[in-house]
């Protein structure tokens, strides 16, 4: 079997979640949350380039000296990033993120111990109650999967607009429009950014806006959309904790050039974002929701963040698996609890321990 054929077999293996090709220096995979190097690699850079060109041309995209790095999403949801010389000094490199086809609902995440049943019920209520939610975490922590599972609980009658740099979200709704940014051409013309798409989405009669990732000055447009009546917005952002994420969001809003003092920007964030879901990949490879936190307002110029659920580590098994569970830790009911209780979306039993 040739290296090309063996590489193709990796793409078919459902247990492999990540494939990393470091030029001709090695191929690494992630399986069950653990990375390992394979016992074969490509013999020359041309072989790697042929793989890259085959993947990108199949999706009508290009990668060349004018655009030496790019992302593409395949039909099954697999996301591919490639970067080529001279930017990649060790040779053309490929990073492939595969998403599990076995996850169909939040129940599956509960079965995988990503979160508990009560935490899942809480998040479903937040979706149905149209709260604005940020899903935070590092690369590979499972943010996109959690967002997709939550989207199943958006009422079917709602119109959803998804906005992404590379369209990868699998949202199973009939009234859905998926928008994707566009890079400039070789003459530097024709670029369409996330900011452009968010502004256009507001003219498309959305009941719900989903942003694949907040990473730049579009954070301002997102916050403004939330504050002008577009409740129930969902967005993904990179960060290590709910508090850190809010600080990063503040910095991203400032990067837009808006002339407001930091205190006013924090006020905007506190008035629009309701919930931050923090997700992590732990040292044993498992993916867990570690915090579900509420923004409660401003005190002494700072955003007040209260954990509603938090993951409590209880040690390790002899096999090295982390023991612990997502537990209710709140000091007071969420600000929206009374309203949700009247609507029949939530009762106090959801916050009982366990």
C-alpha atoms as a PDB file:
ATOM      1  CA  UNK A   1       0.000   0.000   0.000  1.00  0.00           C
ATOM      2  CA  UNK A   2       1.422   3.414  -1.001  1.00  0.00           C
ATOM      3  CA  UNK A   3       1.741   6.342   1.409  1.00  0.00           C
ATOM      4  CA  UNK A   4      -1.109   8.035  -0.461  1.00  0.00           C
ATOM      5  CA  UNK A   5      -3.368   5.004   0.051  1.00  0.00           C
ATOM      6  CA  UNK A   6      -2.436   4.694   3.736  1.00  0.00           C
ATOM      7  CA  UNK A   7      -3.187   8.386   4.208  1.00  0.00           C
ATOM      8  CA  UNK A   8      -6.617   7.933   2.605  1.00  0.00           C
ATOM      9  CA  UNK A   9      -7.319   5.103   5.064  1.00  0.00           C
ATOM     10  CA  UNK A  10      -6.695   7.512   7.943  1.00  0.00           C
ATOM     11  CA  UNK A  11      -9.486   9.725   6.639  1.00  0.00           C
ATOM     12  CA  UNK A  12     -11.896   6.780   6.775  1.00  0.00           C
ATOM     13  CA  UNK A  13     -11.020   5.692  10.327  1.00  0.00           C
ATOM     14  CA  UNK A  14     -13.905   6.885  12.571  1.00  0.00           C
ATOM     15  CA  UNK A  15     -11.759   6.643  15.713  1.00  0.00           C
ATOM     16  CA  UNK A  16      -9.234   9.220  14.447  1.00  0.00           C
ATOM     17  CA  UNK A  17     -10.226  12.800  15.311  1.00  0.00           C
ATOM     18  CA  UNK A  18      -7.151  14.650  14.035  1.00  0.00           C
ATOM     19  CA  UNK A  19      -4.514  14.080  11.342  1.00  0.00           C
ATOM     20  CA  UNK A  20      -1.374  16.251  11.283  1.00  0.00           C
ATOM     21  CA  UNK A  21       1.122  16.103   8.406  1.00  0.00           C
ATOM     22  CA  UNK A  22       4.380  17.932   9.143  1.00  0.00           C
ATOM     23  CA  UNK A  23       5.755  18.030   5.611  1.00  0.00           C
ATOM     24  CA  UNK A  24       7.948  14.990   5.079  1.00  0.00           C
ATOM     25  CA  UNK A  25       9.013  14.856   8.734  1.00  0.00           C
ATOM     26  CA  UNK A  26       6.146  12.794  10.048  1.00  0.00           C
ATOM     27  CA  UNK A  27       2.420  12.133  10.291  1.00  0.00           C
ATOM     28  CA  UNK A  28       0.673  12.363  13.648  1.00  0.00           C
ATOM     29  CA  UNK A  29      -2.884  11.427  14.599  1.00  0.00           C
ATOM     30  CA  UNK A  30      -5.153  11.975  17.580  1.00  0.00           C
ATOM     31  CA  UNK A  31      -7.162   8.960  18.729  1.00  0.00           C
ATOM     32  CA  UNK A  32      -9.280   8.847  21.897  1.00  0.00           C
ATOM     33  CA  UNK A  33      -7.827  12.222  22.836  1.00  0.00           C
ATOM     34  CA  UNK A  34      -4.185  11.078  22.638  1.00  0.00           C
ATOM     35  CA  UNK A  35      -1.639  12.049  19.966  1.00  0.00           C
ATOM     36  CA  UNK A  36       0.877   9.625  18.451  1.00  0.00           C
ATOM     37  CA  UNK A  37       3.274   9.496  15.518  1.00  0.00           C
ATOM     38  CA  UNK A  38       2.687   6.978  12.735  1.00  0.00           C
ATOM     39  CA  UNK A  39       5.355   4.674  11.331  1.00  0.00           C
ATOM     40  CA  UNK A  40       5.201   6.117   7.818  1.00  0.00           C
ATOM     41  CA  UNK A  41       5.502   9.531   6.177  1.00  0.00           C
ATOM     42  CA  UNK A  42       5.558  11.142   2.749  1.00  0.00           C
ATOM     43  CA  UNK A  43       8.799  10.725   0.803  1.00  0.00           C
ATOM     44  CA  UNK A  44       8.843  14.187  -0.757  1.00  0.00           C
ATOM     45  CA  UNK A  45       7.041  17.524  -0.695  1.00  0.00           C
ATOM     46  CA  UNK A  46       5.386  16.934  -4.055  1.00  0.00           C
ATOM     47  CA  UNK A  47       3.389  14.041  -2.586  1.00  0.00           C
ATOM     48  CA  UNK A  48       2.072  16.319   0.166  1.00  0.00           C
ATOM     49  CA  UNK A  49       1.240  19.058  -2.347  1.00  0.00           C
ATOM     50  CA  UNK A  50      -0.736  16.600  -4.478  1.00  0.00           C
ATOM     51  CA  UNK A  51      -2.868  15.708  -1.450  1.00  0.00           C
ATOM     52  CA  UNK A  52      -3.434  19.406  -0.675  1.00  0.00           C
ATOM     53  CA  UNK A  53      -4.331  20.280  -4.251  1.00  0.00           C
ATOM     54  CA  UNK A  54      -6.714  17.330  -4.523  1.00  0.00           C
ATOM     55  CA  UNK A  55      -8.573  18.301  -1.326  1.00  0.00           C
ATOM     56  CA  UNK A  56      -8.858  22.015  -2.141  1.00  0.00           C
ATOM     57  CA  UNK A  57      -9.715  21.658  -5.824  1.00  0.00           C
ATOM     58  CA  UNK A  58     -12.536  19.242  -4.918  1.00  0.00           C
ATOM     59  CA  UNK A  59     -14.163  22.135  -3.035  1.00  0.00           C
ATOM     60  CA  UNK A  60     -13.455  24.763  -5.670  1.00  0.00           C
ATOM     61  CA  UNK A  61     -10.769  26.482  -3.593  1.00  0.00           C
ATOM     62  CA  UNK A  62      -7.150  27.255  -4.277  1.00  0.00           C
ATOM     63  CA  UNK A  63      -3.876  27.382  -2.418  1.00  0.00           C
ATOM     64  CA  UNK A  64      -0.811  28.814  -4.140  1.00  0.00           C
ATOM     65  CA  UNK A  65       1.958  31.401  -3.779  1.00  0.00           C
ATOM     66  CA  UNK A  66      -0.617  34.199  -3.618  1.00  0.00           C
ATOM     67  CA  UNK A  67      -2.645  32.398  -0.968  1.00  0.00           C
ATOM     68  CA  UNK A  68      -0.152  30.079   0.809  1.00  0.00           C
ATOM     69  CA  UNK A  69      -2.528  29.002   3.575  1.00  0.00           C
ATOM     70  CA  UNK A  70      -6.237  28.247   3.612  1.00  0.00           C
ATOM     71  CA  UNK A  71      -9.076  26.317   5.225  1.00  0.00           C
ATOM     72  CA  UNK A  72     -11.731  24.175   3.648  1.00  0.00           C
ATOM     73  CA  UNK A  73     -14.615  22.135   5.013  1.00  0.00           C
ATOM     74  CA  UNK A  74     -15.533  18.830   3.343  1.00  0.00           C
ATOM     75  CA  UNK A  75     -19.062  17.503   2.877  1.00  0.00           C
ATOM     76  CA  UNK A  76     -18.902  15.310   5.987  1.00  0.00           C
ATOM     77  CA  UNK A  77     -17.861  18.240   8.192  1.00  0.00           C
ATOM     78  CA  UNK A  78     -14.136  17.452   8.163  1.00  0.00           C
ATOM     79  CA  UNK A  79     -12.103  20.665   8.383  1.00  0.00           C
ATOM     80  CA  UNK A  80      -8.781  20.920   6.567  1.00  0.00           C
ATOM     81  CA  UNK A  81      -6.089  23.561   7.041  1.00  0.00           C
ATOM     82  CA  UNK A  82      -3.046  23.664   4.790  1.00  0.00           C
ATOM     83  CA  UNK A  83       0.007  25.922   4.741  1.00  0.00           C
ATOM     84  CA  UNK A  84       2.805  25.696   2.204  1.00  0.00           C
ATOM     85  CA  UNK A  85       6.350  27.051   1.739  1.00  0.00           C
ATOM     86  CA  UNK A  86       7.816  29.558   2.167  1.00  0.00           C
ATOM     87  CA  UNK A  87       5.531  30.123   5.167  1.00  0.00           C
ATOM     88  CA  UNK A  88       5.863  26.480   6.260  1.00  0.00           C
ATOM     89  CA  UNK A  89       9.626  26.069   6.529  1.00  0.00           C
ATOM     90  CA  UNK A  90       9.577  22.287   7.036  1.00  0.00           C
ATOM     91  CA  UNK A  91       7.474  21.760   3.916  1.00  0.00           C
ATOM     92  CA  UNK A  92       3.735  21.764   3.121  1.00  0.00           C
ATOM     93  CA  UNK A  93       1.725  20.915   6.221  1.00  0.00           C
ATOM     94  CA  UNK A  94      -1.835  19.684   6.654  1.00  0.00           C
ATOM     95  CA  UNK A  95      -4.044  19.690   9.742  1.00  0.00           C
ATOM     96  CA  UNK A  96      -7.304  17.758   9.439  1.00  0.00           C
ATOM     97  CA  UNK A  97     -10.004  17.952  12.101  1.00  0.00           C
ATOM     98  CA  UNK A  98     -12.621  15.208  11.879  1.00  0.00           C
ATOM     99  CA  UNK A  99     -15.929  15.472  13.705  1.00  0.00           C
ATOM    100  CA  UNK A 100     -17.672  12.471  15.185  1.00  0.00           C
ATOM    101  CA  UNK A 101     -20.713  11.245  13.280  1.00  0.00           C
ATOM    102  CA  UNK A 102     -21.894   9.382  16.383  1.00  0.00           C
ATOM    103  CA  UNK A 103     -22.966  12.535  18.225  1.00  0.00           C
ATOM    104  CA  UNK A 104     -26.573  13.336  17.389  1.00  0.00           C
ATOM    105  CA  UNK A 105     -27.842  15.241  20.440  1.00  0.00           C
ATOM    106  CA  UNK A 106     -27.005  16.640  23.857  1.00  0.00           C
ATOM    107  CA  UNK A 107     -27.961  13.201  25.214  1.00  0.00           C
ATOM    108  CA  UNK A 108     -24.858  11.840  23.478  1.00  0.00           C
ATOM    109  CA  UNK A 109     -22.699  14.477  25.180  1.00  0.00           C
ATOM    110  CA  UNK A 110     -24.257  13.467  28.491  1.00  0.00           C
ATOM    111  CA  UNK A 111     -23.466   9.818  27.726  1.00  0.00           C
ATOM    112  CA  UNK A 112     -19.858  10.854  26.961  1.00  0.00           C
ATOM    113  CA  UNK A 113     -19.707  12.700  30.317  1.00  0.00           C
ATOM    114  CA  UNK A 114     -19.086  16.028  28.598  1.00  0.00           C
ATOM    115  CA  UNK A 115     -21.809  17.438  30.836  1.00  0.00           C
ATOM    116  CA  UNK A 116     -24.526  16.189  33.182  1.00  0.00           C
ATOM    117  CA  UNK A 117     -28.197  15.685  32.433  1.00  0.00           C
ATOM    118  CA  UNK A 118     -29.205  18.642  34.629  1.00  0.00           C
ATOM    119  CA  UNK A 119     -26.643  20.921  33.004  1.00  0.00           C
ATOM    120  CA  UNK A 120     -27.981  19.807  29.595  1.00  0.00           C
ATOM    121  CA  UNK A 121     -31.544  20.640  30.656  1.00  0.00           C
ATOM    122  CA  UNK A 122     -30.350  24.037  31.862  1.00  0.00           C
ATOM    123  CA  UNK A 123     -28.699  24.794  28.497  1.00  0.00           C
ATOM    124  CA  UNK A 124     -31.766  23.648  26.573  1.00  0.00           C
ATOM    125  CA  UNK A 125     -33.838  26.101  28.623  1.00  0.00           C
ATOM    126  CA  UNK A 126     -31.315  28.841  27.811  1.00  0.00           C
ATOM    127  CA  UNK A 127     -31.666  28.091  24.089  1.00  0.00           C
ATOM    128  CA  UNK A 128     -35.464  28.031  24.196  1.00  0.00           C
ATOM    129  CA  UNK A 129     -35.478  31.184  26.332  1.00  0.00           C
ATOM    130  CA  UNK A 130     -33.337  32.955  23.677  1.00  0.00           C
ATOM    131  CA  UNK A 131     -30.388  33.911  25.858  1.00  0.00           C
ATOM    132  CA  UNK A 132     -27.216  35.186  24.185  1.00  0.00           C
ATOM    133  CA  UNK A 133     -24.513  32.545  24.663  1.00  0.00           C
ATOM    134  CA  UNK A 134     -20.748  32.433  24.126  1.00  0.00           C
ATOM    135  CA  UNK A 135     -19.087  29.013  23.874  1.00  0.00           C
ATOM    136  CA  UNK A 136     -15.454  29.291  24.880  1.00  0.00           C
ATOM    137  CA  UNK A 137     -12.442  27.004  24.858  1.00  0.00           C
ATOM    138  CA  UNK A 138      -9.156  26.114  23.218  1.00  0.00           C
ATOM    139  CA  UNK A 139      -8.720  24.538  19.789  1.00  0.00           C
ATOM    140  CA  UNK A 140      -9.983  20.946  19.799  1.00  0.00           C
ATOM    141  CA  UNK A 141     -11.975  21.271  23.028  1.00  0.00           C
ATOM    142  CA  UNK A 142     -15.313  20.464  21.344  1.00  0.00           C
ATOM    143  CA  UNK A 143     -16.874  23.946  21.135  1.00  0.00           C
ATOM    144  CA  UNK A 144     -18.299  23.500  17.639  1.00  0.00           C
ATOM    145  CA  UNK A 145     -19.801  20.114  18.484  1.00  0.00           C
ATOM    146  CA  UNK A 146     -21.515  21.534  21.578  1.00  0.00           C
ATOM    147  CA  UNK A 147     -22.897  24.422  19.530  1.00  0.00           C
ATOM    148  CA  UNK A 148     -24.285  22.011  16.940  1.00  0.00           C
ATOM    149  CA  UNK A 149     -25.929  19.847  19.610  1.00  0.00           C
ATOM    150  CA  UNK A 150     -27.508  22.935  21.207  1.00  0.00           C
ATOM    151  CA  UNK A 151     -28.851  24.061  17.828  1.00  0.00           C
ATOM    152  CA  UNK A 152     -31.165  21.027  17.710  1.00  0.00           C
ATOM    153  CA  UNK A 153     -33.207  22.758  20.423  1.00  0.00           C
ATOM    154  CA  UNK A 154     -33.804  25.957  18.470  1.00  0.00           C
ATOM    155  CA  UNK A 155     -37.533  25.961  17.570  1.00  0.00           C
ATOM    156  CA  UNK A 156     -38.119  24.814  13.993  1.00  0.00           C
ATOM    157  CA  UNK A 157     -40.151  27.931  13.121  1.00  0.00           C
ATOM    158  CA  UNK A 158     -37.158  30.222  13.699  1.00  0.00           C
ATOM    159  CA  UNK A 159     -35.014  31.536  10.844  1.00  0.00           C
ATOM    160  CA  UNK A 160     -31.304  30.944  11.445  1.00  0.00           C
ATOM    161  CA  UNK A 161     -28.366  32.721   9.798  1.00  0.00           C
ATOM    162  CA  UNK A 162     -24.921  31.148  10.310  1.00  0.00           C
ATOM    163  CA  UNK A 163     -21.804  33.215   9.634  1.00  0.00           C
ATOM    164  CA  UNK A 164     -18.339  31.623   9.324  1.00  0.00           C
ATOM    165  CA  UNK A 165     -14.892  32.095   7.838  1.00  0.00           C
ATOM    166  CA  UNK A 166     -15.020  28.480   6.653  1.00  0.00           C
ATOM    167  CA  UNK A 167     -18.517  26.973   6.595  1.00  0.00           C
ATOM    168  CA  UNK A 168     -18.389  23.899   8.818  1.00  0.00           C
ATOM    169  CA  UNK A 169     -21.411  24.104  11.115  1.00  0.00           C
ATOM    170  CA  UNK A 170     -24.019  21.406  10.565  1.00  0.00           C
ATOM    171  CA  UNK A 171     -27.294  23.030  11.601  1.00  0.00           C
ATOM    172  CA  UNK A 172     -30.301  20.841  10.852  1.00  0.00           C
ATOM    173  CA  UNK A 173     -33.068  23.389  10.287  1.00  0.00           C
ATOM    174  CA  UNK A 174     -35.191  24.045   7.217  1.00  0.00           C
ATOM    175  CA  UNK A 175     -35.207  27.846   7.504  1.00  0.00           C
ATOM    176  CA  UNK A 176     -31.423  28.232   7.445  1.00  0.00           C
ATOM    177  CA  UNK A 177     -29.033  30.409   5.472  1.00  0.00           C
ATOM    178  CA  UNK A 178     -25.307  29.674   5.734  1.00  0.00           C
ATOM    179  CA  UNK A 179     -22.947  32.571   4.971  1.00  0.00           C
ATOM    180  CA  UNK A 180     -19.189  32.290   4.396  1.00  0.00           C
ATOM    181  CA  UNK A 181     -16.516  34.972   4.081  1.00  0.00           C
ATOM    182  CA  UNK A 182     -14.504  35.439   0.896  1.00  0.00           C
ATOM    183  CA  UNK A 183     -10.803  36.214   0.531  1.00  0.00           C
ATOM    184  CA  UNK A 184      -9.614  38.957  -1.816  1.00  0.00           C
ATOM    185  CA  UNK A 185      -8.578  37.925  -5.303  1.00  0.00           C
ATOM    186  CA  UNK A 186      -5.054  38.222  -6.731  1.00  0.00           C
ATOM    187  CA  UNK A 187      -5.616  41.963  -7.231  1.00  0.00           C
ATOM    188  CA  UNK A 188      -6.717  42.422  -3.631  1.00  0.00           C
ATOM    189  CA  UNK A 189     -10.381  42.932  -4.577  1.00  0.00           C
ATOM    190  CA  UNK A 190     -13.630  41.251  -3.623  1.00  0.00           C
ATOM    191  CA  UNK A 191     -12.954  40.500   0.059  1.00  0.00           C
ATOM    192  CA  UNK A 192     -16.029  39.830   2.207  1.00  0.00           C
ATOM    193  CA  UNK A 193     -15.387  39.830   5.962  1.00  0.00           C
ATOM    194  CA  UNK A 194     -17.316  38.642   8.991  1.00  0.00           C
ATOM    195  CA  UNK A 195     -18.235  42.268   9.674  1.00  0.00           C
ATOM    196  CA  UNK A 196     -19.812  42.570   6.221  1.00  0.00           C
ATOM    197  CA  UNK A 197     -21.794  39.365   6.696  1.00  0.00           C
ATOM    198  CA  UNK A 198     -23.062  40.263  10.183  1.00  0.00           C
ATOM    199  CA  UNK A 199     -24.339  43.593   8.893  1.00  0.00           C
ATOM    200  CA  UNK A 200     -26.026  41.916   5.934  1.00  0.00           C
ATOM    201  CA  UNK A 201     -27.505  39.183   8.139  1.00  0.00           C
ATOM    202  CA  UNK A 202     -29.428  41.833  10.081  1.00  0.00           C
ATOM    203  CA  UNK A 203     -31.322  42.597   6.854  1.00  0.00           C
ATOM    204  CA  UNK A 204     -32.247  38.944   6.324  1.00  0.00           C
ATOM    205  CA  UNK A 205     -34.978  38.739   8.982  1.00  0.00           C
ATOM    206  CA  UNK A 206     -33.045  36.440  11.359  1.00  0.00           C
ATOM    207  CA  UNK A 207     -34.631  35.017  14.471  1.00  0.00           C
ATOM    208  CA  UNK A 208     -31.247  33.632  15.456  1.00  0.00           C
ATOM    209  CA  UNK A 209     -27.672  34.487  14.430  1.00  0.00           C
ATOM    210  CA  UNK A 210     -24.892  31.927  14.920  1.00  0.00           C
ATOM    211  CA  UNK A 211     -21.294  33.089  14.522  1.00  0.00           C
ATOM    212  CA  UNK A 212     -18.781  30.284  13.959  1.00  0.00           C
ATOM    213  CA  UNK A 213     -15.974  32.133  15.723  1.00  0.00           C
ATOM    214  CA  UNK A 214     -15.376  35.621  17.095  1.00  0.00           C
ATOM    215  CA  UNK A 215     -11.749  36.506  16.456  1.00  0.00           C
ATOM    216  CA  UNK A 216     -11.518  40.170  15.435  1.00  0.00           C
ATOM    217  CA  UNK A 217     -13.221  43.517  15.141  1.00  0.00           C
ATOM    218  CA  UNK A 218     -16.507  41.818  14.184  1.00  0.00           C
ATOM    219  CA  UNK A 219     -17.003  41.433  17.957  1.00  0.00           C
ATOM    220  CA  UNK A 220     -18.419  44.967  17.970  1.00  0.00           C
ATOM    221  CA  UNK A 221     -20.984  44.154  15.271  1.00  0.00           C
ATOM    222  CA  UNK A 222     -21.978  41.003  17.158  1.00  0.00           C
ATOM    223  CA  UNK A 223     -22.545  42.883  20.412  1.00  0.00           C
ATOM    224  CA  UNK A 224     -24.507  45.585  18.596  1.00  0.00           C
ATOM    225  CA  UNK A 225     -26.675  42.940  16.916  1.00  0.00           C
ATOM    226  CA  UNK A 226     -27.445  41.390  20.316  1.00  0.00           C
ATOM    227  CA  UNK A 227     -28.309  44.784  21.788  1.00  0.00           C
ATOM    228  CA  UNK A 228     -30.726  45.704  18.983  1.00  0.00           C
ATOM    229  CA  UNK A 229     -33.221  42.925  19.553  1.00  0.00           C
ATOM    230  CA  UNK A 230     -31.494  39.854  18.089  1.00  0.00           C
ATOM    231  CA  UNK A 231     -31.794  37.657  21.155  1.00  0.00           C
ATOM    232  CA  UNK A 232     -30.685  34.053  21.201  1.00  0.00           C
ATOM    233  CA  UNK A 233     -27.399  34.697  19.397  1.00  0.00           C
ATOM    234  CA  UNK A 234     -24.774  31.943  19.688  1.00  0.00           C
ATOM    235  CA  UNK A 235     -21.065  32.435  19.091  1.00  0.00           C
ATOM    236  CA  UNK A 236     -17.788  30.568  19.578  1.00  0.00           C
ATOM    237  CA  UNK A 237     -14.678  32.267  20.967  1.00  0.00           C
ATOM    238  CA  UNK A 238     -11.232  31.083  22.080  1.00  0.00           C
ATOM    239  CA  UNK A 239     -10.405  31.470  25.761  1.00  0.00           C
ATOM    240  CA  UNK A 240      -9.332  29.645  28.909  1.00  0.00           C
ATOM    241  CA  UNK A 241     -12.043  30.781  31.329  1.00  0.00           C
ATOM    242  CA  UNK A 242     -15.281  32.817  31.298  1.00  0.00           C
ATOM    243  CA  UNK A 243     -13.536  35.842  32.859  1.00  0.00           C
ATOM    244  CA  UNK A 244     -10.631  35.661  30.413  1.00  0.00           C
ATOM    245  CA  UNK A 245     -13.041  35.391  27.489  1.00  0.00           C
ATOM    246  CA  UNK A 246     -14.806  38.594  28.504  1.00  0.00           C
ATOM    247  CA  UNK A 247     -11.470  40.414  28.712  1.00  0.00           C
ATOM    248  CA  UNK A 248     -10.592  39.135  25.227  1.00  0.00           C
ATOM    249  CA  UNK A 249     -13.988  40.204  23.903  1.00  0.00           C
ATOM    250  CA  UNK A 250     -13.361  43.694  25.278  1.00  0.00           C
ATOM    251  CA  UNK A 251      -9.997  43.809  23.484  1.00  0.00           C
ATOM    252  CA  UNK A 252     -11.567  42.635  20.215  1.00  0.00           C
ATOM    253  CA  UNK A 253     -14.234  45.343  20.420  1.00  0.00           C
ATOM    254  CA  UNK A 254     -11.532  47.972  21.009  1.00  0.00           C
ATOM    255  CA  UNK A 255      -9.710  46.672  17.897  1.00  0.00           C
ATOM    256  CA  UNK A 256     -12.653  47.889  15.790  1.00  0.00           C
ATOM    257  CA  UNK A 257     -11.583  51.483  16.483  1.00  0.00           C
ATOM    258  CA  UNK A 258     -14.659  52.384  18.497  1.00  0.00           C
ATOM    259  CA  UNK A 259     -14.075  55.475  20.652  1.00  0.00           C
ATOM    260  CA  UNK A 260     -15.501  54.368  23.981  1.00  0.00           C
ATOM    261  CA  UNK A 261     -13.852  54.010  27.393  1.00  0.00           C
ATOM    262  CA  UNK A 262     -13.328  50.418  28.611  1.00  0.00           C
ATOM    263  CA  UNK A 263     -16.028  50.887  31.273  1.00  0.00           C
ATOM    264  CA  UNK A 264     -18.652  51.536  28.594  1.00  0.00           C
ATOM    265  CA  UNK A 265     -17.540  48.519  26.572  1.00  0.00           C
ATOM    266  CA  UNK A 266     -17.803  46.297  29.664  1.00  0.00           C
ATOM    267  CA  UNK A 267     -21.295  47.669  30.216  1.00  0.00           C
ATOM    268  CA  UNK A 268     -22.219  46.750  26.622  1.00  0.00           C
ATOM    269  CA  UNK A 269     -20.912  43.213  27.122  1.00  0.00           C
ATOM    270  CA  UNK A 270     -22.653  42.743  30.479  1.00  0.00           C
ATOM    271  CA  UNK A 271     -25.962  43.976  29.056  1.00  0.00           C
ATOM    272  CA  UNK A 272     -25.917  41.672  26.014  1.00  0.00           C
ATOM    273  CA  UNK A 273     -24.136  38.393  26.870  1.00  0.00           C
ATOM    274  CA  UNK A 274     -26.106  36.186  29.263  1.00  0.00           C
ATOM    275  CA  UNK A 275     -24.190  32.899  29.461  1.00  0.00           C
ATOM    276  CA  UNK A 276     -20.624  31.705  28.863  1.00  0.00           C
ATOM    277  CA  UNK A 277     -20.042  27.968  28.383  1.00  0.00           C
ATOM    278  CA  UNK A 278     -16.422  26.970  28.971  1.00  0.00           C
ATOM    279  CA  UNK A 279     -15.235  23.707  27.410  1.00  0.00           C
ATOM    280  CA  UNK A 280     -11.839  22.030  27.788  1.00  0.00           C
ATOM    281  CA  UNK A 281      -9.923  18.974  26.664  1.00  0.00           C
ATOM    282  CA  UNK A 282      -8.453  17.527  29.858  1.00  0.00           C
ATOM    283  CA  UNK A 283      -5.068  15.837  30.258  1.00  0.00           C
ATOM    284  CA  UNK A 284      -6.594  12.370  29.729  1.00  0.00           C
ATOM    285  CA  UNK A 285      -7.975  13.462  26.341  1.00  0.00           C
ATOM    286  CA  UNK A 286     -11.607  13.744  27.487  1.00  0.00           C
ATOM    287  CA  UNK A 287     -13.633  16.805  26.577  1.00  0.00           C
ATOM    288  CA  UNK A 288     -15.661  18.410  29.353  1.00  0.00           C
ATOM    289  CA  UNK A 289     -17.786  21.459  29.888  1.00  0.00           C
ATOM    290  CA  UNK A 290     -16.019  22.925  32.920  1.00  0.00           C
ATOM    291  CA  UNK A 291     -18.053  26.087  33.552  1.00  0.00           C
ATOM    292  CA  UNK A 292     -21.504  27.387  32.759  1.00  0.00           C
ATOM    293  CA  UNK A 293     -21.464  30.979  33.986  1.00  0.00           C
ATOM    294  CA  UNK A 294     -23.863  33.928  34.028  1.00  0.00           C
ATOM    295  CA  UNK A 295     -23.012  37.573  33.537  1.00  0.00           C
ATOM    296  CA  UNK A 296     -24.840  39.437  36.305  1.00  0.00           C
ATOM    297  CA  UNK A 297     -23.933  43.047  35.519  1.00  0.00           C
ATOM    298  CA  UNK A 298     -21.279  45.565  36.528  1.00  0.00           C
ATOM    299  CA  UNK A 299     -19.825  46.190  39.970  1.00  0.00           C
ATOM    300  CA  UNK A 300     -17.014  48.697  40.575  1.00  0.00           C
ATOM    301  CA  UNK A 301     -16.396  48.920  36.863  1.00  0.00           C
ATOM    302  CA  UNK A 302     -15.921  45.171  36.360  1.00  0.00           C
ATOM    303  CA  UNK A 303     -18.211  42.515  34.889  1.00  0.00           C
ATOM    304  CA  UNK A 304     -19.621  40.195  37.552  1.00  0.00           C
ATOM    305  CA  UNK A 305     -19.463  36.538  36.476  1.00  0.00           C
ATOM    306  CA  UNK A 306     -21.179  33.823  38.531  1.00  0.00           C
ATOM    307  CA  UNK A 307     -20.625  30.127  37.945  1.00  0.00           C
ATOM    308  CA  UNK A 308     -23.910  28.238  37.783  1.00  0.00           C
ATOM    309  CA  UNK A 309     -22.283  24.873  37.078  1.00  0.00           C
ATOM    310  CA  UNK A 310     -18.580  24.051  37.496  1.00  0.00           C
ATOM    311  CA  UNK A 311     -16.557  20.886  36.965  1.00  0.00           C
ATOM    312  CA  UNK A 312     -15.143  19.536  40.229  1.00  0.00           C
ATOM    313  CA  UNK A 313     -12.189  17.190  39.828  1.00  0.00           C
ATOM    314  CA  UNK A 314     -12.158  14.226  42.208  1.00  0.00           C
ATOM    315  CA  UNK A 315      -8.900  12.507  41.260  1.00  0.00           C
ATOM    316  CA  UNK A 316      -7.810   9.930  38.693  1.00  0.00           C
ATOM    317  CA  UNK A 317      -8.556   6.279  38.040  1.00  0.00           C
ATOM    318  CA  UNK A 318      -5.698   3.726  37.967  1.00  0.00           C
ATOM    319  CA  UNK A 319      -5.880   3.976  34.151  1.00  0.00           C
ATOM    320  CA  UNK A 320      -5.231   7.734  34.314  1.00  0.00           C
ATOM    321  CA  UNK A 321      -8.784   8.844  33.567  1.00  0.00           C
ATOM    322  CA  UNK A 322      -9.867  12.021  35.353  1.00  0.00           C
ATOM    323  CA  UNK A 323     -12.733  11.599  37.790  1.00  0.00           C
ATOM    324  CA  UNK A 324     -15.098  14.462  38.426  1.00  0.00           C
ATOM    325  CA  UNK A 325     -18.435  15.953  37.565  1.00  0.00           C
ATOM    326  CA  UNK A 326     -20.163  19.160  36.560  1.00  0.00           C
ATOM    327  CA  UNK A 327     -22.048  20.370  39.644  1.00  0.00           C
ATOM    328  CA  UNK A 328     -24.343  23.239  40.540  1.00  0.00           C
ATOM    329  CA  UNK A 329     -22.289  25.793  42.470  1.00  0.00           C
ATOM    330  CA  UNK A 330     -24.324  29.005  42.250  1.00  0.00           C
ATOM    331  CA  UNK A 331     -24.765  31.310  45.228  1.00  0.00           C
ATOM    332  CA  UNK A 332     -28.092  32.680  43.957  1.00  0.00           C
ATOM    333  CA  UNK A 333     -30.577  31.892  41.214  1.00  0.00           C
ATOM    334  CA  UNK A 334     -29.757  33.292  37.747  1.00  0.00           C
ATOM    335  CA  UNK A 335     -31.267  36.685  36.950  1.00  0.00           C
ATOM    336  CA  UNK A 336     -33.561  35.114  34.341  1.00  0.00           C
ATOM    337  CA  UNK A 337     -34.762  32.277  36.588  1.00  0.00           C
ATOM    338  CA  UNK A 338     -38.037  33.913  37.647  1.00  0.00           C
ATOM    339  CA  UNK A 339     -39.030  34.611  34.032  1.00  0.00           C
ATOM    340  CA  UNK A 340     -38.050  31.101  32.906  1.00  0.00           C
ATOM    341  CA  UNK A 341     -39.999  29.613  35.798  1.00  0.00           C
ATOM    342  CA  UNK A 342     -43.155  31.457  34.700  1.00  0.00           C
ATOM    343  CA  UNK A 343     -42.626  30.225  31.129  1.00  0.00           C
ATOM    344  CA  UNK A 344     -42.271  26.636  32.327  1.00  0.00           C
ATOM    345  CA  UNK A 345     -38.704  26.372  31.045  1.00  0.00           C
ATOM    346  CA  UNK A 346     -36.972  25.813  34.373  1.00  0.00           C
ATOM    347  CA  UNK A 347     -37.536  24.986  38.053  1.00  0.00           C
ATOM    348  CA  UNK A 348     -35.306  24.887  41.119  1.00  0.00           C
ATOM    349  CA  UNK A 349     -34.770  21.115  40.896  1.00  0.00           C
ATOM    350  CA  UNK A 350     -32.369  21.686  38.003  1.00  0.00           C
ATOM    351  CA  UNK A 351     -29.911  23.246  40.458  1.00  0.00           C
ATOM    352  CA  UNK A 352     -29.960  20.423  43.009  1.00  0.00           C
ATOM    353  CA  UNK A 353     -26.578  18.726  43.432  1.00  0.00           C
ATOM    354  CA  UNK A 354     -25.812  15.997  40.917  1.00  0.00           C
END
